[in-house]
Amino acid sequence: MSEHTGDKVKIKHALRYSFLNRFYDAVTGLTCREKHFKSEMIKLADAGEPGPVVDIACGTGTFITMYKKVHPNVRMIGIDADENILGIARNKTQHSGSLEYVCSYSNHINLEDASAGAVYTGLFYHHLDYQNKLATTKEALRILRKKGKYVICDWGRPSSIFTQVGFFMVRILDGFDTTLENYQGKIPGILRQAGFQNVTEHKSIDTVFGTLKIWSGEK
């Protein structure tokens, strides 16, 4: 996971330090109901969704593994700027067909215009400041084909005092600046600002560390 501002490149590892990448699956599975929210994201895929399907900030490849079980014939591309975590993903998914990984920043994706049938990302936007959230969203729009869908799952406005307390811990860890738009419930507005149509909130999922939301927008 990363952010890129001008000439300054900053890698933000999923758990802050690269040596913790191998523990990422266990941590997110335990605290963020990972299998549940990624299953809900996959449910939004249209039947026969045309490839390639792109996973921005694909991390260890869990979403790709789950997606391929449901749609085994769809070509997929995993995008991440962390070479270490891409190595974990390649090992995890080495027996999956029609799959490639690209080391690339989310706000400057190394894919052609209108080359993706659908784009997904999960638990990534809270690592980005506002400008990079918007730039990443514009990149998703750029690489999508017409009528293509962009699905985001990330922290949203807490639904209760309990999830607000949990999300406060996330904000301490990941930064109050990068989590601000999430806390304020502004991700749908960023989708619209980037140019997406039919922006919809599909799910609200409470976890020990806050309230996850699933949104989508259409090109």
Protein backbone atom coordinates (compact mmCIF):
# COMPACT_ATOMS: atom_id res chain seq x y z
CA MET A 1 0.00 0.00 0.00
CA SER A 2 1.32 3.43 -0.84
CA GLU A 3 0.75 7.04 -1.57
CA HIS A 4 2.56 9.14 -4.13
CA THR A 5 2.58 12.93 -3.98
CA GLY A 6 4.51 14.77 -6.67
CA ASP A 7 8.14 13.59 -6.62
CA LYS A 8 7.84 12.26 -3.10
CA VAL A 9 7.03 8.57 -2.89
CA LYS A 10 5.99 7.04 0.40
CA ILE A 11 5.28 3.36 0.89
CA LYS A 12 2.78 2.75 3.68
CA HIS A 13 2.96 -0.92 4.56
CA ALA A 14 -0.33 -2.55 5.49
CA LEU A 15 0.77 -2.98 9.13
CA ARG A 16 3.23 -0.06 9.09
CA TYR A 17 6.38 -2.25 8.80
CA SER A 18 7.22 -4.65 5.95
CA PHE A 19 8.34 -7.43 8.32
CA LEU A 20 4.75 -7.55 9.64
CA ASN A 21 3.27 -8.26 6.18
CA ARG A 22 3.27 -12.00 6.84
CA PHE A 23 0.87 -11.43 9.74
CA TYR A 24 -1.55 -9.27 7.75
CA ASP A 25 -4.04 -12.03 6.89
CA ALA A 26 -4.30 -13.18 10.50
CA VAL A 27 -4.74 -9.65 11.85
CA THR A 28 -7.41 -8.56 9.35
CA GLY A 29 -9.22 -11.87 9.61
CA LEU A 30 -9.41 -11.55 13.38
CA THR A 31 -10.30 -7.86 13.69
CA CYS A 32 -11.96 -6.75 10.43
CA ARG A 33 -14.21 -9.66 9.41
CA GLU A 34 -12.16 -9.84 6.21
CA LYS A 35 -13.77 -12.90 4.63
CA HIS A 36 -17.22 -11.46 5.29
CA PHE A 37 -16.68 -8.01 3.79
CA LYS A 38 -14.77 -9.37 0.78
CA SER A 39 -17.55 -11.88 0.14
CA GLU A 40 -20.01 -8.99 0.17
CA MET A 41 -17.83 -7.11 -2.33
CA ILE A 42 -17.77 -10.13 -4.65
CA LYS A 43 -21.56 -10.36 -4.50
CA LEU A 44 -21.65 -7.02 -6.33
CA ALA A 45 -19.89 -8.52 -9.35
CA ASP A 46 -22.17 -8.79 -12.35
CA ALA A 47 -22.72 -12.26 -13.78
CA GLY A 48 -20.14 -12.76 -16.49
CA GLU A 49 -18.27 -9.60 -15.47
CA PRO A 50 -15.76 -8.92 -18.27
CA GLY A 51 -12.10 -8.94 -17.41
CA PRO A 52 -9.69 -7.94 -16.50
CA VAL A 53 -10.86 -7.31 -12.96
CA VAL A 54 -8.37 -5.07 -11.14
CA ASP A 55 -7.68 -5.16 -7.40
CA ILE A 56 -6.02 -1.91 -6.29
CA ALA A 57 -3.73 -2.35 -3.27
CA CYS A 58 -4.21 -6.10 -3.55
CA GLY A 59 -1.97 -6.83 -0.56
CA THR A 60 -1.48 -10.54 0.06
CA GLY A 61 -4.00 -11.55 -2.64
CA THR A 62 -6.86 -12.67 -0.40
CA PHE A 63 -9.55 -10.87 -2.40
CA ILE A 64 -8.14 -12.25 -5.66
CA THR A 65 -8.15 -15.79 -4.24
CA MET A 66 -11.76 -15.43 -3.12
CA TYR A 67 -12.88 -13.82 -6.38
CA LYS A 68 -11.26 -16.54 -8.50
CA LYS A 69 -13.12 -19.23 -6.55
CA VAL A 70 -16.41 -17.65 -7.60
CA HIS A 71 -15.35 -16.53 -11.08
CA PRO A 72 -12.43 -18.81 -12.02
CA ASN A 73 -12.26 -17.83 -15.69
CA VAL A 74 -12.05 -14.06 -15.23
CA ARG A 75 -8.63 -12.52 -15.82
CA MET A 76 -7.43 -10.53 -12.81
CA ILE A 77 -4.71 -7.96 -12.18
CA GLY A 78 -3.41 -7.18 -8.70
CA ILE A 79 -1.93 -3.72 -8.17
CA ASP A 80 0.33 -2.83 -5.25
CA ALA A 81 3.45 -0.71 -4.72
CA ASP A 82 4.86 -2.96 -1.99
CA GLU A 83 7.11 -5.58 -3.65
CA ASN A 84 7.36 -7.53 -0.40
CA ILE A 85 3.63 -8.05 -0.07
CA LEU A 86 3.31 -8.83 -3.80
CA GLY A 87 5.74 -11.69 -3.23
CA ILE A 88 3.39 -13.09 -0.60
CA ALA A 89 0.45 -12.70 -2.99
CA ARG A 90 2.27 -14.48 -5.83
CA ASN A 91 3.05 -17.44 -3.60
CA LYS A 92 -0.52 -17.60 -2.30
CA THR A 93 -2.08 -17.52 -5.77
CA GLN A 94 0.56 -19.38 -7.80
CA HIS A 95 -1.95 -22.01 -8.96
CA SER A 96 -4.57 -19.48 -10.09
CA GLY A 97 -4.84 -19.02 -13.83
CA SER A 98 -5.36 -15.78 -15.79
CA LEU A 99 -3.73 -13.63 -13.14
CA GLU A 100 -0.91 -11.11 -13.05
CA TYR A 101 0.53 -8.64 -10.58
CA VAL A 102 1.74 -5.13 -11.35
CA CYS A 103 3.92 -3.10 -9.00
CA SER A 104 2.38 0.34 -9.33
CA TYR A 105 1.19 3.31 -7.31
CA SER A 106 -2.56 3.71 -6.94
CA ASN A 107 -2.57 7.31 -8.18
CA HIS A 108 -0.51 6.47 -11.26
CA ILE A 109 -1.62 2.98 -12.29
CA ASN A 110 0.45 1.39 -15.02
CA LEU A 111 -2.54 0.25 -17.10
CA GLU A 112 -4.06 1.61 -20.32
CA ASP A 113 -7.16 3.80 -20.44
CA ALA A 114 -10.46 1.88 -20.49
CA SER A 115 -8.67 -1.46 -20.05
CA ALA A 116 -10.53 -2.87 -17.02
CA GLY A 117 -13.97 -4.39 -16.78
CA ALA A 118 -14.26 -3.73 -13.04
CA VAL A 119 -12.07 -2.34 -10.25
CA TYR A 120 -12.10 -3.22 -6.54
CA THR A 121 -10.19 -2.07 -3.48
CA GLY A 122 -10.49 -2.97 0.18
CA LEU A 123 -9.12 -1.39 3.36
CA PHE A 124 -6.88 0.98 1.43
CA TYR A 125 -8.40 4.46 1.31
CA HIS A 126 -7.77 5.15 5.00
CA HIS A 127 -4.03 4.99 4.21
CA LEU A 128 -4.33 7.93 1.77
CA ASP A 129 -4.63 11.66 2.34
CA TYR A 130 -7.42 13.53 0.59
CA GLN A 131 -5.46 14.38 -2.56
CA ASN A 132 -4.35 10.78 -3.03
CA LYS A 133 -7.83 9.44 -2.33
CA LEU A 134 -9.12 11.66 -5.13
CA ALA A 135 -6.21 10.84 -7.46
CA THR A 136 -6.66 7.10 -6.90
CA THR A 137 -10.39 7.39 -7.59
CA LYS A 138 -9.70 9.27 -10.83
CA GLU A 139 -7.24 6.56 -11.86
CA ALA A 140 -9.89 3.89 -11.25
CA LEU A 141 -12.25 5.88 -13.49
CA ARG A 142 -9.56 6.23 -16.17
CA ILE A 143 -8.77 2.52 -16.44
CA LEU A 144 -12.42 1.42 -16.38
CA ARG A 145 -14.38 0.75 -19.53
CA LYS A 146 -17.69 2.55 -20.01
CA LYS A 147 -20.34 1.24 -17.58
CA GLY A 148 -17.59 -0.43 -15.53
CA LYS A 149 -18.02 -0.54 -11.76
CA TYR A 150 -15.64 0.56 -9.00
CA VAL A 151 -16.22 -1.07 -5.61
CA ILE A 152 -14.60 0.27 -2.43
CA CYS A 153 -14.71 -1.21 1.06
CA ASP A 154 -13.18 0.88 3.81
CA TRP A 155 -13.88 2.51 7.14
CA GLY A 156 -16.82 4.88 7.14
CA ARG A 157 -18.57 7.05 9.70
CA PRO A 158 -18.81 5.00 12.94
CA SER A 159 -22.31 3.68 13.57
CA SER A 160 -22.16 3.81 17.39
CA ILE A 161 -20.09 4.97 20.33
CA PHE A 162 -18.51 1.50 20.44
CA THR A 163 -17.33 1.55 16.82
CA GLN A 164 -16.24 5.17 17.29
CA VAL A 165 -13.93 4.08 20.12
CA GLY A 166 -12.58 1.25 17.98
CA PHE A 167 -11.96 3.54 15.04
CA PHE A 168 -10.12 5.97 17.29
CA MET A 169 -7.49 3.24 17.71
CA VAL A 170 -7.23 2.89 13.92
CA ARG A 171 -6.78 6.65 13.61
CA ILE A 172 -3.97 6.61 16.16
CA LEU A 173 -2.21 3.87 14.18
CA ASP A 174 -2.82 5.10 10.62
CA GLY A 175 -3.01 8.85 11.14
CA PHE A 176 -5.75 11.36 11.85
CA ASP A 177 -5.12 13.12 8.53
CA THR A 178 -5.49 10.09 6.27
CA THR A 179 -8.55 8.75 8.11
CA LEU A 180 -10.38 12.08 8.27
CA GLU A 181 -12.55 11.65 5.16
CA ASN A 182 -13.44 8.13 6.29
CA TYR A 183 -14.47 9.38 9.73
CA GLN A 184 -16.53 12.17 8.18
CA GLY A 185 -18.29 9.84 5.74
CA LYS A 186 -16.92 11.61 2.65
CA ILE A 187 -15.86 8.66 0.46
CA PRO A 188 -19.10 8.73 -1.62
CA GLY A 189 -18.50 12.43 -2.26
CA ILE A 190 -14.99 11.69 -3.48
CA LEU A 191 -16.40 9.12 -5.90
CA ARG A 192 -18.80 11.70 -7.29
CA GLN A 193 -16.12 14.39 -7.43
CA ALA A 194 -13.88 12.07 -9.49
CA GLY A 195 -16.68 11.61 -12.02
CA PHE A 196 -18.45 8.40 -11.01
CA GLN A 197 -22.20 8.04 -11.51
CA ASN A 198 -24.81 6.05 -9.58
CA VAL A 199 -22.77 6.13 -6.38
CA THR A 200 -24.34 3.71 -3.90
CA GLU A 201 -23.69 2.52 -0.35
CA HIS A 202 -24.40 -1.22 -0.24
CA LYS A 203 -23.38 -2.47 3.19
CA SER A 204 -22.48 -1.30 6.68
CA ILE A 205 -20.48 -3.82 8.71
CA ASP A 206 -19.55 -3.23 12.35
CA THR A 207 -16.20 -4.55 13.60
CA VAL A 208 -14.13 -4.11 16.75
CA PHE A 209 -12.16 -1.38 14.98
CA GLY A 210 -15.00 0.60 13.45
CA THR A 211 -17.72 0.48 10.83
CA LEU A 212 -16.83 -0.80 7.37
CA LYS A 213 -18.82 0.50 4.42
CA ILE A 214 -19.06 -0.85 0.90
CA TRP A 215 -19.66 1.70 -1.87
CA SER A 216 -19.73 1.51 -5.64
CA GLY A 217 -19.76 3.93 -8.54
CA GLU A 218 -20.22 3.47 -12.27
CA LYS A 219 -18.27 5.06 -15.11
